[in-house]
Amino acid sequence: MFKLVKYMKLINKKVYLIGAGPGKNDFITIKANEILKNADVIIYDSLINPSLLYELQENKYNDHRKKYIKVKKKEIISQYHKQRLIKLIIYYNKKNLCVIRLKSGDPLLFARGGEELIELLAHDIQVEIIPGITTGISAYSYNKIPLSHRKWNSSITIITGEIASSNKIKQINWQNIIIGSASLVIYMGIHNLFLIIDYCKIYGKNNEIPVALIRWNTWEEQEELIGTIGTIATQVYDKNFGPPAIILVGPLVEIRAIIKYNYAKFK
């Protein structure tokens, strides 16, 4: 009991920036799960699996005074709402409460966690970062697509398909990225998919290179769309395949069919 009380006093002095992983509840880290159980305030993004929050509310550690505050994506993007969010975190921290900023995937990879971290540190708020399994990497692994292979793939580029200003998507050095990497992992790229595919074609990716789109990665609602550089844009349009989705481009997508075929033998 003494150790628990001591631990609670320690965690109340800081804000925790936690990555919840790609979505499936048992992919969150042990440390993250323990801290979440003891939290007073959990400020979470819209891509957090509701079943994770339900488990927290149902477990024996739950205190009914615990606050759950949802932050919508538009509120993260807006500078005005971002400042309000920072003020909200500071408010609860100053009340000596254990505050969790919960993000999907890893908090510092295309999750705007870096921006929030810098803001909080500037206000003299101590922040501890708990890494999470990033969605882009797990989209390969969970769906039996090797991210690397000594015979076929020696380079990987992780990139966002959505920039703070929509006009800046064209300012990315697509030529260097596409020519210099065998495989691409593209976050938040569905809305700009047609433009991204055009760049792939312009800078040398032929129409036969495989592409996989993984929507709601690891969730029960997960959907997949497999195609090629030449077909995927039409497939997305025909299927009305929308976000949130990870785009995987590269030769190793093709190996997945062989791997899945062999996995079928064990069923």
C-alpha atoms as a PDB file:
ATOM      1  CA  MET A   1       0.000   0.000   0.000  1.00  0.00           C
ATOM      2  CA  PHE A   2       2.837   2.384   0.859  1.00  0.00           C
ATOM      3  CA  LYS A   3       4.422   1.783  -2.544  1.00  0.00           C
ATOM      4  CA  LEU A   4       1.136   2.504  -4.339  1.00  0.00           C
ATOM      5  CA  VAL A   5       0.589   5.772  -2.451  1.00  0.00           C
ATOM      6  CA  LYS A   6       4.174   6.818  -3.143  1.00  0.00           C
ATOM      7  CA  TYR A   7       3.730   5.980  -6.833  1.00  0.00           C
ATOM      8  CA  MET A   8       0.496   7.993  -7.024  1.00  0.00           C
ATOM      9  CA  LYS A   9       2.187  11.058  -5.525  1.00  0.00           C
ATOM     10  CA  LEU A  10       4.965  10.812  -8.082  1.00  0.00           C
ATOM     11  CA  ILE A  11       2.755  10.535 -11.134  1.00  0.00           C
ATOM     12  CA  ASN A  12       0.566  13.457 -10.095  1.00  0.00           C
ATOM     13  CA  LYS A  13       3.472  15.851 -10.619  1.00  0.00           C
ATOM     14  CA  LYS A  14       3.682  15.351 -14.366  1.00  0.00           C
ATOM     15  CA  VAL A  15       1.692  14.999 -17.564  1.00  0.00           C
ATOM     16  CA  TYR A  16       1.923  11.714 -19.427  1.00  0.00           C
ATOM     17  CA  LEU A  17       1.999  11.734 -23.214  1.00  0.00           C
ATOM     18  CA  ILE A  18       0.997   8.169 -24.055  1.00  0.00           C
ATOM     19  CA  GLY A  19       0.791   6.195 -27.280  1.00  0.00           C
ATOM     20  CA  ALA A  20      -2.097   3.721 -27.222  1.00  0.00           C
ATOM     21  CA  GLY A  21      -0.836   1.722 -30.192  1.00  0.00           C
ATOM     22  CA  PRO A  22      -2.740   1.067 -33.411  1.00  0.00           C
ATOM     23  CA  GLY A  23      -6.098   0.266 -31.821  1.00  0.00           C
ATOM     24  CA  LYS A  24      -6.307  -3.281 -30.521  1.00  0.00           C
ATOM     25  CA  ASN A  25      -6.438  -3.119 -26.725  1.00  0.00           C
ATOM     26  CA  ASP A  26      -3.765  -5.714 -26.002  1.00  0.00           C
ATOM     27  CA  PHE A  27      -1.230  -3.797 -28.115  1.00  0.00           C
ATOM     28  CA  ILE A  28      -0.936  -1.015 -25.554  1.00  0.00           C
ATOM     29  CA  THR A  29       2.200  -1.269 -23.402  1.00  0.00           C
ATOM     30  CA  ILE A  30       2.114  -2.570 -19.838  1.00  0.00           C
ATOM     31  CA  LYS A  31       3.462   0.720 -18.472  1.00  0.00           C
ATOM     32  CA  ALA A  32       0.876   2.778 -20.369  1.00  0.00           C
ATOM     33  CA  ASN A  33      -1.917   0.556 -19.104  1.00  0.00           C
ATOM     34  CA  GLU A  34      -0.780   0.868 -15.485  1.00  0.00           C
ATOM     35  CA  ILE A  35      -0.578   4.656 -15.662  1.00  0.00           C
ATOM     36  CA  LEU A  36      -3.995   4.888 -17.329  1.00  0.00           C
ATOM     37  CA  LYS A  37      -5.527   2.886 -14.476  1.00  0.00           C
ATOM     38  CA  ASN A  38      -4.273   5.466 -11.979  1.00  0.00           C
ATOM     39  CA  ALA A  39      -5.071   8.575 -14.013  1.00  0.00           C
ATOM     40  CA  ASP A  40      -7.393  11.348 -12.864  1.00  0.00           C
ATOM     41  CA  VAL A  41      -7.911  12.955 -16.264  1.00  0.00           C
ATOM     42  CA  ILE A  42      -7.608  11.250 -19.660  1.00  0.00           C
ATOM     43  CA  ILE A  43      -7.641  13.591 -22.649  1.00  0.00           C
ATOM     44  CA  TYR A  44      -7.881  11.365 -25.703  1.00  0.00           C
ATOM     45  CA  ASP A  45      -8.045  11.647 -29.490  1.00  0.00           C
ATOM     46  CA  SER A  46     -10.917  10.437 -31.658  1.00  0.00           C
ATOM     47  CA  LEU A  47      -8.870   7.499 -33.018  1.00  0.00           C
ATOM     48  CA  ILE A  48      -8.595   5.860 -29.589  1.00  0.00           C
ATOM     49  CA  ASN A  49     -10.545   2.603 -29.585  1.00  0.00           C
ATOM     50  CA  PRO A  50     -13.675   3.109 -27.413  1.00  0.00           C
ATOM     51  CA  SER A  51     -13.281  -0.424 -26.053  1.00  0.00           C
ATOM     52  CA  LEU A  52     -10.002   0.620 -24.365  1.00  0.00           C
ATOM     53  CA  LEU A  53     -11.804   3.414 -22.534  1.00  0.00           C
ATOM     54  CA  TYR A  54     -14.636   1.025 -21.666  1.00  0.00           C
ATOM     55  CA  GLU A  55     -12.149  -1.414 -20.117  1.00  0.00           C
ATOM     56  CA  LEU A  56     -10.675   1.391 -18.026  1.00  0.00           C
ATOM     57  CA  GLN A  57     -14.122   2.441 -16.826  1.00  0.00           C
ATOM     58  CA  GLU A  58     -15.045  -1.133 -15.927  1.00  0.00           C
ATOM     59  CA  ASN A  59     -11.861  -2.208 -14.132  1.00  0.00           C
ATOM     60  CA  LYS A  60     -11.465  -2.288 -10.366  1.00  0.00           C
ATOM     61  CA  TYR A  61      -9.131   0.728 -10.393  1.00  0.00           C
ATOM     62  CA  ASN A  62     -11.765   3.022 -11.826  1.00  0.00           C
ATOM     63  CA  ASP A  63     -12.706   6.041  -9.793  1.00  0.00           C
ATOM     64  CA  HIS A  64     -16.017   7.534 -10.931  1.00  0.00           C
ATOM     65  CA  ARG A  65     -14.509  10.980 -10.504  1.00  0.00           C
ATOM     66  CA  LYS A  66     -12.071  10.222 -13.317  1.00  0.00           C
ATOM     67  CA  LYS A  67     -12.578  12.565 -16.263  1.00  0.00           C
ATOM     68  CA  TYR A  68     -12.575  11.449 -19.902  1.00  0.00           C
ATOM     69  CA  ILE A  69     -12.247  14.313 -22.385  1.00  0.00           C
ATOM     70  CA  LYS A  70     -12.412  13.651 -26.131  1.00  0.00           C
ATOM     71  CA  VAL A  71     -10.483  15.882 -28.533  1.00  0.00           C
ATOM     72  CA  LYS A  72     -11.730  15.969 -32.127  1.00  0.00           C
ATOM     73  CA  LYS A  73      -9.252  16.161 -34.982  1.00  0.00           C
ATOM     74  CA  LYS A  74     -10.372  19.624 -36.072  1.00  0.00           C
ATOM     75  CA  GLU A  75      -9.685  20.826 -32.533  1.00  0.00           C
ATOM     76  CA  ILE A  76      -6.093  19.533 -32.724  1.00  0.00           C
ATOM     77  CA  ILE A  77      -5.431  21.168 -36.101  1.00  0.00           C
ATOM     78  CA  SER A  78      -6.902  24.578 -35.196  1.00  0.00           C
ATOM     79  CA  GLN A  79      -4.357  26.852 -33.511  1.00  0.00           C
ATOM     80  CA  TYR A  80      -7.107  28.348 -31.359  1.00  0.00           C
ATOM     81  CA  HIS A  81      -8.340  24.958 -30.147  1.00  0.00           C
ATOM     82  CA  LYS A  82      -4.768  23.723 -29.655  1.00  0.00           C
ATOM     83  CA  GLN A  83      -4.098  26.584 -27.245  1.00  0.00           C
ATOM     84  CA  ARG A  84      -7.322  25.766 -25.400  1.00  0.00           C
ATOM     85  CA  LEU A  85      -6.199  22.147 -25.144  1.00  0.00           C
ATOM     86  CA  ILE A  86      -2.839  23.152 -23.671  1.00  0.00           C
ATOM     87  CA  LYS A  87      -4.589  25.411 -21.148  1.00  0.00           C
ATOM     88  CA  LEU A  88      -6.884  22.528 -20.207  1.00  0.00           C
ATOM     89  CA  ILE A  89      -3.933  20.199 -19.555  1.00  0.00           C
ATOM     90  CA  ILE A  90      -2.161  22.882 -17.507  1.00  0.00           C
ATOM     91  CA  TYR A  91      -5.342  23.556 -15.507  1.00  0.00           C
ATOM     92  CA  TYR A  92      -5.679  19.953 -14.349  1.00  0.00           C
ATOM     93  CA  ASN A  93      -1.937  19.587 -13.796  1.00  0.00           C
ATOM     94  CA  LYS A  94      -1.906  22.617 -11.504  1.00  0.00           C
ATOM     95  CA  LYS A  95      -4.641  20.933  -9.455  1.00  0.00           C
ATOM     96  CA  ASN A  96      -2.080  18.183  -8.789  1.00  0.00           C
ATOM     97  CA  LEU A  97      -4.015  15.624 -10.819  1.00  0.00           C
ATOM     98  CA  CYS A  98      -2.513  12.866 -12.927  1.00  0.00           C
ATOM     99  CA  VAL A  99      -3.193  14.026 -16.489  1.00  0.00           C
ATOM    100  CA  ILE A 100      -2.888  11.713 -19.490  1.00  0.00           C
ATOM    101  CA  ARG A 101      -2.719  12.947 -23.069  1.00  0.00           C
ATOM    102  CA  LEU A 102      -3.646   9.770 -24.938  1.00  0.00           C
ATOM    103  CA  LYS A 103      -2.921   9.386 -28.648  1.00  0.00           C
ATOM    104  CA  SER A 104      -3.250   6.519 -31.090  1.00  0.00           C
ATOM    105  CA  GLY A 105      -0.096   4.876 -32.410  1.00  0.00           C
ATOM    106  CA  ASP A 106       3.054   6.533 -31.090  1.00  0.00           C
ATOM    107  CA  PRO A 107       2.537  10.009 -29.613  1.00  0.00           C
ATOM    108  CA  LEU A 108       5.495  11.585 -31.432  1.00  0.00           C
ATOM    109  CA  LEU A 109       4.963  10.199 -34.940  1.00  0.00           C
ATOM    110  CA  PHE A 110       2.443  12.172 -37.012  1.00  0.00           C
ATOM    111  CA  ALA A 111       0.268  12.615 -33.936  1.00  0.00           C
ATOM    112  CA  ARG A 112       1.111  16.266 -33.199  1.00  0.00           C
ATOM    113  CA  GLY A 113       2.570  15.126 -29.906  1.00  0.00           C
ATOM    114  CA  GLY A 114       5.779  17.024 -30.553  1.00  0.00           C
ATOM    115  CA  GLU A 115       3.881  20.309 -30.775  1.00  0.00           C
ATOM    116  CA  GLU A 116       2.045  19.659 -27.512  1.00  0.00           C
ATOM    117  CA  LEU A 117       5.249  18.515 -25.785  1.00  0.00           C
ATOM    118  CA  ILE A 118       7.076  21.737 -26.669  1.00  0.00           C
ATOM    119  CA  GLU A 119       4.123  23.872 -25.524  1.00  0.00           C
ATOM    120  CA  LEU A 120       3.884  22.078 -22.176  1.00  0.00           C
ATOM    121  CA  LEU A 121       7.623  22.280 -21.522  1.00  0.00           C
ATOM    122  CA  ALA A 122       7.495  25.998 -22.313  1.00  0.00           C
ATOM    123  CA  HIS A 123       4.960  26.299 -19.468  1.00  0.00           C
ATOM    124  CA  ASP A 124       7.322  24.420 -17.115  1.00  0.00           C
ATOM    125  CA  ILE A 125       5.148  21.298 -17.109  1.00  0.00           C
ATOM    126  CA  GLN A 126       7.054  18.049 -16.618  1.00  0.00           C
ATOM    127  CA  VAL A 127       6.119  15.530 -19.317  1.00  0.00           C
ATOM    128  CA  GLU A 128       6.861  11.814 -19.490  1.00  0.00           C
ATOM    129  CA  ILE A 129       6.508  10.128 -22.855  1.00  0.00           C
ATOM    130  CA  ILE A 130       5.299   6.528 -23.073  1.00  0.00           C
ATOM    131  CA  PRO A 131       5.924   5.213 -26.607  1.00  0.00           C
ATOM    132  CA  GLY A 132       3.325   3.221 -28.492  1.00  0.00           C
ATOM    133  CA  ILE A 133       3.365   0.804 -31.413  1.00  0.00           C
ATOM    134  CA  THR A 134       3.077   3.083 -34.397  1.00  0.00           C
ATOM    135  CA  THR A 135       0.184   2.462 -36.770  1.00  0.00           C
ATOM    136  CA  GLY A 136       2.293   2.544 -39.928  1.00  0.00           C
ATOM    137  CA  ILE A 137       4.699  -0.178 -38.819  1.00  0.00           C
ATOM    138  CA  SER A 138       1.978  -2.384 -37.354  1.00  0.00           C
ATOM    139  CA  ALA A 139      -0.090  -2.084 -40.536  1.00  0.00           C
ATOM    140  CA  TYR A 140       2.668  -4.097 -42.210  1.00  0.00           C
ATOM    141  CA  SER A 141       3.343  -6.551 -39.373  1.00  0.00           C
ATOM    142  CA  TYR A 142      -0.225  -7.236 -38.259  1.00  0.00           C
ATOM    143  CA  ASN A 143      -1.283  -7.909 -41.845  1.00  0.00           C
ATOM    144  CA  LYS A 144       1.625 -10.263 -42.545  1.00  0.00           C
ATOM    145  CA  ILE A 145       3.544  -7.948 -44.845  1.00  0.00           C
ATOM    146  CA  PRO A 146       7.303  -7.948 -44.093  1.00  0.00           C
ATOM    147  CA  LEU A 147       8.539  -4.397 -43.741  1.00  0.00           C
ATOM    148  CA  SER A 148      12.008  -5.441 -44.825  1.00  0.00           C
ATOM    149  CA  HIS A 149      13.564  -8.377 -46.651  1.00  0.00           C
ATOM    150  CA  ARG A 150      17.227  -8.736 -47.594  1.00  0.00           C
ATOM    151  CA  LYS A 151      16.401  -9.841 -51.143  1.00  0.00           C
ATOM    152  CA  TRP A 152      13.731  -7.295 -52.053  1.00  0.00           C
ATOM    153  CA  ASN A 153      13.770  -4.297 -49.767  1.00  0.00           C
ATOM    154  CA  SER A 154      16.544  -2.354 -48.031  1.00  0.00           C
ATOM    155  CA  SER A 155      14.883   1.024 -47.470  1.00  0.00           C
ATOM    156  CA  ILE A 156      11.645   2.320 -45.994  1.00  0.00           C
ATOM    157  CA  THR A 157      10.280   5.860 -45.914  1.00  0.00           C
ATOM    158  CA  ILE A 158       7.548   6.950 -43.517  1.00  0.00           C
ATOM    159  CA  ILE A 159       5.739  10.052 -44.703  1.00  0.00           C
ATOM    160  CA  THR A 160       2.565  12.003 -44.074  1.00  0.00           C
ATOM    161  CA  GLY A 161       0.131  12.494 -46.935  1.00  0.00           C
ATOM    162  CA  GLU A 162      -1.462  15.426 -45.133  1.00  0.00           C
ATOM    163  CA  ILE A 163       0.398  18.638 -44.342  1.00  0.00           C
ATOM    164  CA  ALA A 164      -0.651  21.457 -41.994  1.00  0.00           C
ATOM    165  CA  SER A 165      -1.526  23.490 -45.083  1.00  0.00           C
ATOM    166  CA  SER A 166      -3.052  21.496 -47.944  1.00  0.00           C
ATOM    167  CA  ASN A 167      -1.038  23.519 -50.472  1.00  0.00           C
ATOM    168  CA  LYS A 168       2.225  22.259 -48.958  1.00  0.00           C
ATOM    169  CA  ILE A 169       1.659  18.651 -50.052  1.00  0.00           C
ATOM    170  CA  LYS A 170       3.238  19.705 -53.363  1.00  0.00           C
ATOM    171  CA  GLN A 171       6.291  21.087 -51.563  1.00  0.00           C
ATOM    172  CA  ILE A 172       7.365  17.648 -50.324  1.00  0.00           C
ATOM    173  CA  ASN A 173      10.385  16.401 -52.253  1.00  0.00           C
ATOM    174  CA  TRP A 174       8.503  13.514 -53.829  1.00  0.00           C
ATOM    175  CA  GLN A 175      11.228  12.856 -56.357  1.00  0.00           C
ATOM    176  CA  ASN A 176      13.870  12.063 -53.721  1.00  0.00           C
ATOM    177  CA  ILE A 177      11.423  10.076 -51.604  1.00  0.00           C
ATOM    178  CA  ILE A 178      10.085   7.892 -54.411  1.00  0.00           C
ATOM    179  CA  ILE A 179      13.400   7.290 -56.131  1.00  0.00           C
ATOM    180  CA  GLY A 180      15.313   6.762 -52.888  1.00  0.00           C
ATOM    181  CA  SER A 181      13.043   4.264 -51.151  1.00  0.00           C
ATOM    182  CA  ALA A 182      11.811   0.823 -52.137  1.00  0.00           C
ATOM    183  CA  SER A 183       8.826   0.966 -49.769  1.00  0.00           C
ATOM    184  CA  LEU A 184       6.603   3.820 -48.632  1.00  0.00           C
ATOM    185  CA  VAL A 185       4.458   4.002 -45.504  1.00  0.00           C
ATOM    186  CA  ILE A 186       2.041   6.905 -45.959  1.00  0.00           C
ATOM    187  CA  TYR A 187      -0.069   8.243 -43.113  1.00  0.00           C
ATOM    188  CA  MET A 188      -3.255  10.262 -43.712  1.00  0.00           C
ATOM    189  CA  GLY A 189      -2.908  10.035 -47.468  1.00  0.00           C
ATOM    190  CA  ILE A 190      -6.368   8.993 -48.625  1.00  0.00           C
ATOM    191  CA  HIS A 191      -7.590  12.513 -49.402  1.00  0.00           C
ATOM    192  CA  ASN A 192      -4.453  13.139 -51.483  1.00  0.00           C
ATOM    193  CA  LEU A 193      -4.178   9.623 -52.918  1.00  0.00           C
ATOM    194  CA  PHE A 194      -4.681  10.625 -56.565  1.00  0.00           C
ATOM    195  CA  LEU A 195      -1.907  13.226 -56.301  1.00  0.00           C
ATOM    196  CA  ILE A 196       0.436  10.797 -54.484  1.00  0.00           C
ATOM    197  CA  ILE A 197      -0.126   8.101 -57.115  1.00  0.00           C
ATOM    198  CA  ASP A 198       0.595  10.654 -59.856  1.00  0.00           C
ATOM    199  CA  TYR A 199       3.922  11.487 -58.195  1.00  0.00           C
ATOM    200  CA  CYS A 200       4.747   7.782 -57.929  1.00  0.00           C
ATOM    201  CA  LYS A 201       4.199   7.400 -61.671  1.00  0.00           C
ATOM    202  CA  ILE A 202       6.070  10.572 -62.585  1.00  0.00           C
ATOM    203  CA  TYR A 203       9.157   9.547 -60.608  1.00  0.00           C
ATOM    204  CA  GLY A 204       9.484   5.999 -61.810  1.00  0.00           C
ATOM    205  CA  LYS A 205       7.156   3.663 -59.931  1.00  0.00           C
ATOM    206  CA  ASN A 206       5.652   1.434 -62.599  1.00  0.00           C
ATOM    207  CA  ASN A 207       1.968   0.545 -62.696  1.00  0.00           C
ATOM    208  CA  GLU A 208       2.538  -3.026 -61.461  1.00  0.00           C
ATOM    209  CA  ILE A 209       4.050  -2.114 -58.096  1.00  0.00           C
ATOM    210  CA  PRO A 210       1.653  -3.377 -55.395  1.00  0.00           C
ATOM    211  CA  VAL A 211      -0.200  -1.093 -53.012  1.00  0.00           C
ATOM    212  CA  ALA A 212      -2.114  -1.994 -49.844  1.00  0.00           C
ATOM    213  CA  LEU A 213      -4.531   0.257 -47.986  1.00  0.00           C
ATOM    214  CA  ILE A 214      -5.274  -0.749 -44.399  1.00  0.00           C
ATOM    215  CA  ARG A 215      -8.252   0.984 -42.795  1.00  0.00           C
ATOM    216  CA  TRP A 216      -8.829   0.860 -39.013  1.00  0.00           C
ATOM    217  CA  ASN A 217      -5.646  -1.173 -38.605  1.00  0.00           C
ATOM    218  CA  THR A 218      -5.968  -3.953 -35.933  1.00  0.00           C
ATOM    219  CA  TRP A 219      -9.546  -2.897 -35.048  1.00  0.00           C
ATOM    220  CA  GLU A 220     -12.433  -5.351 -35.435  1.00  0.00           C
ATOM    221  CA  GLU A 221     -13.653  -3.062 -38.229  1.00  0.00           C
ATOM    222  CA  GLN A 222     -10.372  -3.378 -40.169  1.00  0.00           C
ATOM    223  CA  GLU A 223     -10.713  -3.265 -43.955  1.00  0.00           C
ATOM    224  CA  GLU A 224      -8.105  -3.860 -46.647  1.00  0.00           C
ATOM    225  CA  LEU A 225      -7.833  -2.811 -50.243  1.00  0.00           C
ATOM    226  CA  ILE A 226      -5.065  -4.401 -52.325  1.00  0.00           C
ATOM    227  CA  GLY A 227      -4.126  -3.124 -55.760  1.00  0.00           C
ATOM    228  CA  THR A 228      -1.283  -1.609 -57.742  1.00  0.00           C
ATOM    229  CA  ILE A 229      -0.005   1.832 -58.648  1.00  0.00           C
ATOM    230  CA  GLY A 230      -2.085   1.537 -61.819  1.00  0.00           C
ATOM    231  CA  THR A 231      -5.355   0.437 -60.187  1.00  0.00           C
ATOM    232  CA  ILE A 232      -5.563   1.640 -56.602  1.00  0.00           C
ATOM    233  CA  ALA A 233      -6.974   5.137 -57.232  1.00  0.00           C
ATOM    234  CA  THR A 234      -9.896   3.694 -59.208  1.00  0.00           C
ATOM    235  CA  GLN A 235     -10.443   0.994 -56.565  1.00  0.00           C
ATOM    236  CA  VAL A 236     -10.623   3.609 -53.806  1.00  0.00           C
ATOM    237  CA  TYR A 237     -13.161   5.613 -55.801  1.00  0.00           C
ATOM    238  CA  ASP A 238     -15.278   2.559 -56.668  1.00  0.00           C
ATOM    239  CA  LYS A 239     -15.285   1.203 -53.098  1.00  0.00           C
ATOM    240  CA  ASN A 240     -15.671   4.637 -51.496  1.00  0.00           C
ATOM    241  CA  PHE A 241     -12.718   3.647 -49.326  1.00  0.00           C
ATOM    242  CA  GLY A 242     -12.126   6.447 -46.847  1.00  0.00           C
ATOM    243  CA  PRO A 243      -9.896   7.354 -43.898  1.00  0.00           C
ATOM    244  CA  PRO A 244      -8.440   6.533 -41.464  1.00  0.00           C
ATOM    245  CA  ALA A 245      -6.094   4.376 -43.492  1.00  0.00           C
ATOM    246  CA  ILE A 246      -2.408   3.658 -43.959  1.00  0.00           C
ATOM    247  CA  ILE A 247      -1.062   3.389 -47.514  1.00  0.00           C
ATOM    248  CA  LEU A 248       1.681   0.838 -48.119  1.00  0.00           C
ATOM    249  CA  VAL A 249       3.560   0.978 -51.412  1.00  0.00           C
ATOM    250  CA  GLY A 250       6.265  -1.500 -52.343  1.00  0.00           C
ATOM    251  CA  PRO A 251       7.207  -4.961 -53.579  1.00  0.00           C
ATOM    252  CA  LEU A 252       6.759  -6.666 -50.216  1.00  0.00           C
ATOM    253  CA  VAL A 253       2.990  -6.155 -50.355  1.00  0.00           C
ATOM    254  CA  GLU A 254       3.012  -8.908 -52.983  1.00  0.00           C
ATOM    255  CA  ILE A 255       4.688 -11.406 -50.617  1.00  0.00           C
ATOM    256  CA  ARG A 256       1.670 -11.169 -48.325  1.00  0.00           C
ATOM    257  CA  ALA A 257      -0.375 -13.472 -50.582  1.00  0.00           C
ATOM    258  CA  ILE A 258       2.268 -16.217 -50.271  1.00  0.00           C
ATOM    259  CA  ILE A 259       2.495 -15.802 -46.499  1.00  0.00           C
ATOM    260  CA  LYS A 260      -1.287 -15.824 -46.025  1.00  0.00           C
ATOM    261  CA  TYR A 261      -1.585 -18.924 -48.204  1.00  0.00           C
ATOM    262  CA  ASN A 262       0.845 -20.766 -45.926  1.00  0.00           C
ATOM    263  CA  TYR A 263      -0.874 -19.496 -42.774  1.00  0.00           C
ATOM    264  CA  ALA A 264      -4.107 -21.043 -44.057  1.00  0.00           C
ATOM    265  CA  LYS A 265      -2.566 -24.510 -43.571  1.00  0.00           C
ATOM    266  CA  PHE A 266      -2.703 -24.060 -39.810  1.00  0.00           C
ATOM    267  CA  LYS A 267      -6.430 -23.391 -39.631  1.00  0.00           C
END
